[in-house]
């Protein structure tokens, strides 16, 4: 009985530990970006690779909610032109 419990524990650890390590390395990042043509700010998961869309605010956010809240405080996103 003890052997079966130890074996079950080893199997669970064998599956859980790699999954936990993967979850720590795949942290999501969010950026507040502005389309230079329309001057509209949005939140994206990827850093833009074009010159027509630029990162504004200079920060990388850990959650989408945090980035959406930052849009309200970034000057170029709140001023109308």
C-alpha atoms as a PDB file:
ATOM      1  CA  UNK A   1       0.000   0.000   0.000  1.00  0.00           C
ATOM      2  CA  UNK A   2       2.801   2.440   0.846  1.00  0.00           C
ATOM      3  CA  UNK A   3       4.491   1.635  -2.458  1.00  0.00           C
ATOM      4  CA  UNK A   4       1.311   2.437  -4.402  1.00  0.00           C
ATOM      5  CA  UNK A   5       0.930   5.774  -2.586  1.00  0.00           C
ATOM      6  CA  UNK A   6       4.567   6.669  -3.236  1.00  0.00           C
ATOM      7  CA  UNK A   7       4.200   5.731  -6.893  1.00  0.00           C
ATOM      8  CA  UNK A   8       1.024   7.785  -7.221  1.00  0.00           C
ATOM      9  CA  UNK A   9       2.729  10.760  -5.572  1.00  0.00           C
ATOM     10  CA  UNK A  10       5.704  10.488  -7.924  1.00  0.00           C
ATOM     11  CA  UNK A  11       3.418  10.359 -10.954  1.00  0.00           C
ATOM     12  CA  UNK A  12       1.454  13.411  -9.835  1.00  0.00           C
ATOM     13  CA  UNK A  13       4.673  15.333  -9.174  1.00  0.00           C
ATOM     14  CA  UNK A  14       5.976  14.280 -12.572  1.00  0.00           C
ATOM     15  CA  UNK A  15       3.025  15.908 -14.284  1.00  0.00           C
ATOM     16  CA  UNK A  16       2.437  18.910 -12.026  1.00  0.00           C
ATOM     17  CA  UNK A  17       5.975  20.271 -11.676  1.00  0.00           C
ATOM     18  CA  UNK A  18       6.658  20.723 -15.419  1.00  0.00           C
ATOM     19  CA  UNK A  19       3.251  22.358 -15.853  1.00  0.00           C
ATOM     20  CA  UNK A  20       3.958  24.784 -13.013  1.00  0.00           C
ATOM     21  CA  UNK A  21       7.353  25.644 -14.476  1.00  0.00           C
ATOM     22  CA  UNK A  22       5.769  26.262 -17.878  1.00  0.00           C
ATOM     23  CA  UNK A  23       3.154  28.564 -16.353  1.00  0.00           C
ATOM     24  CA  UNK A  24       5.863  30.703 -14.761  1.00  0.00           C
ATOM     25  CA  UNK A  25       7.782  31.131 -18.027  1.00  0.00           C
ATOM     26  CA  UNK A  26       4.772  32.069 -20.135  1.00  0.00           C
ATOM     27  CA  UNK A  27       3.791  35.298 -18.454  1.00  0.00           C
ATOM     28  CA  UNK A  28       1.671  37.484 -20.648  1.00  0.00           C
ATOM     29  CA  UNK A  29       2.561  41.067 -21.354  1.00  0.00           C
ATOM     30  CA  UNK A  30       0.358  43.874 -22.580  1.00  0.00           C
ATOM     31  CA  UNK A  31       1.236  47.139 -24.294  1.00  0.00           C
ATOM     32  CA  UNK A  32      -0.682  50.362 -24.797  1.00  0.00           C
ATOM     33  CA  UNK A  33      -0.188  51.289 -28.435  1.00  0.00           C
ATOM     34  CA  UNK A  34      -1.300  54.186 -30.594  1.00  0.00           C
ATOM     35  CA  UNK A  35      -2.108  54.076 -34.294  1.00  0.00           C
ATOM     36  CA  UNK A  36      -0.281  57.081 -35.738  1.00  0.00           C
ATOM     37  CA  UNK A  37      -2.870  57.553 -38.487  1.00  0.00           C
ATOM     38  CA  UNK A  38      -6.035  57.570 -36.365  1.00  0.00           C
ATOM     39  CA  UNK A  39      -4.372  58.549 -33.048  1.00  0.00           C
ATOM     40  CA  UNK A  40      -6.465  55.845 -31.350  1.00  0.00           C
ATOM     41  CA  UNK A  41      -4.956  53.965 -28.399  1.00  0.00           C
ATOM     42  CA  UNK A  42      -5.559  50.261 -27.841  1.00  0.00           C
ATOM     43  CA  UNK A  43      -4.160  47.383 -25.768  1.00  0.00           C
ATOM     44  CA  UNK A  44      -2.235  44.599 -27.471  1.00  0.00           C
ATOM     45  CA  UNK A  45      -0.365  41.484 -26.343  1.00  0.00           C
ATOM     46  CA  UNK A  46       2.441  41.907 -28.862  1.00  0.00           C
ATOM     47  CA  UNK A  47       4.895  44.733 -29.212  1.00  0.00           C
ATOM     48  CA  UNK A  48       4.238  46.416 -32.557  1.00  0.00           C
ATOM     49  CA  UNK A  49       6.750  45.827 -35.329  1.00  0.00           C
ATOM     50  CA  UNK A  50       5.593  48.609 -37.654  1.00  0.00           C
ATOM     51  CA  UNK A  51       6.259  52.325 -37.559  1.00  0.00           C
ATOM     52  CA  UNK A  52       2.584  53.234 -37.930  1.00  0.00           C
ATOM     53  CA  UNK A  53       1.744  51.769 -34.514  1.00  0.00           C
ATOM     54  CA  UNK A  54       3.901  52.761 -31.549  1.00  0.00           C
ATOM     55  CA  UNK A  55       4.039  51.886 -27.865  1.00  0.00           C
ATOM     56  CA  UNK A  56       2.936  54.821 -25.702  1.00  0.00           C
ATOM     57  CA  UNK A  57       3.385  55.288 -22.000  1.00  0.00           C
ATOM     58  CA  UNK A  58       6.663  53.352 -22.000  1.00  0.00           C
ATOM     59  CA  UNK A  59       5.439  50.546 -19.738  1.00  0.00           C
ATOM     60  CA  UNK A  60       4.765  46.846 -20.091  1.00  0.00           C
ATOM     61  CA  UNK A  61       1.714  45.674 -18.155  1.00  0.00           C
ATOM     62  CA  UNK A  62       1.111  42.259 -16.591  1.00  0.00           C
ATOM     63  CA  UNK A  63      -2.663  42.243 -17.011  1.00  0.00           C
ATOM     64  CA  UNK A  64      -5.019  43.506 -19.668  1.00  0.00           C
ATOM     65  CA  UNK A  65      -7.067  45.331 -17.030  1.00  0.00           C
ATOM     66  CA  UNK A  66      -3.966  47.184 -15.859  1.00  0.00           C
ATOM     67  CA  UNK A  67      -3.160  48.271 -19.415  1.00  0.00           C
ATOM     68  CA  UNK A  68      -6.749  49.366 -20.077  1.00  0.00           C
ATOM     69  CA  UNK A  69      -6.633  51.483 -16.928  1.00  0.00           C
ATOM     70  CA  UNK A  70      -3.375  53.066 -18.053  1.00  0.00           C
ATOM     71  CA  UNK A  71      -4.971  54.294 -21.286  1.00  0.00           C
ATOM     72  CA  UNK A  72      -7.025  56.713 -19.186  1.00  0.00           C
ATOM     73  CA  UNK A  73      -3.870  58.250 -17.691  1.00  0.00           C
ATOM     74  CA  UNK A  74      -1.625  58.470 -20.768  1.00  0.00           C
ATOM     75  CA  UNK A  75      -1.754  62.009 -22.129  1.00  0.00           C
ATOM     76  CA  UNK A  76      -1.605  61.168 -25.838  1.00  0.00           C
ATOM     77  CA  UNK A  77      -4.540  58.779 -25.380  1.00  0.00           C
ATOM     78  CA  UNK A  78      -6.764  61.207 -23.503  1.00  0.00           C
ATOM     79  CA  UNK A  79      -6.263  64.384 -25.521  1.00  0.00           C
ATOM     80  CA  UNK A  80      -8.347  64.923 -28.618  1.00  0.00           C
ATOM     81  CA  UNK A  81      -6.740  66.437 -31.678  1.00  0.00           C
END
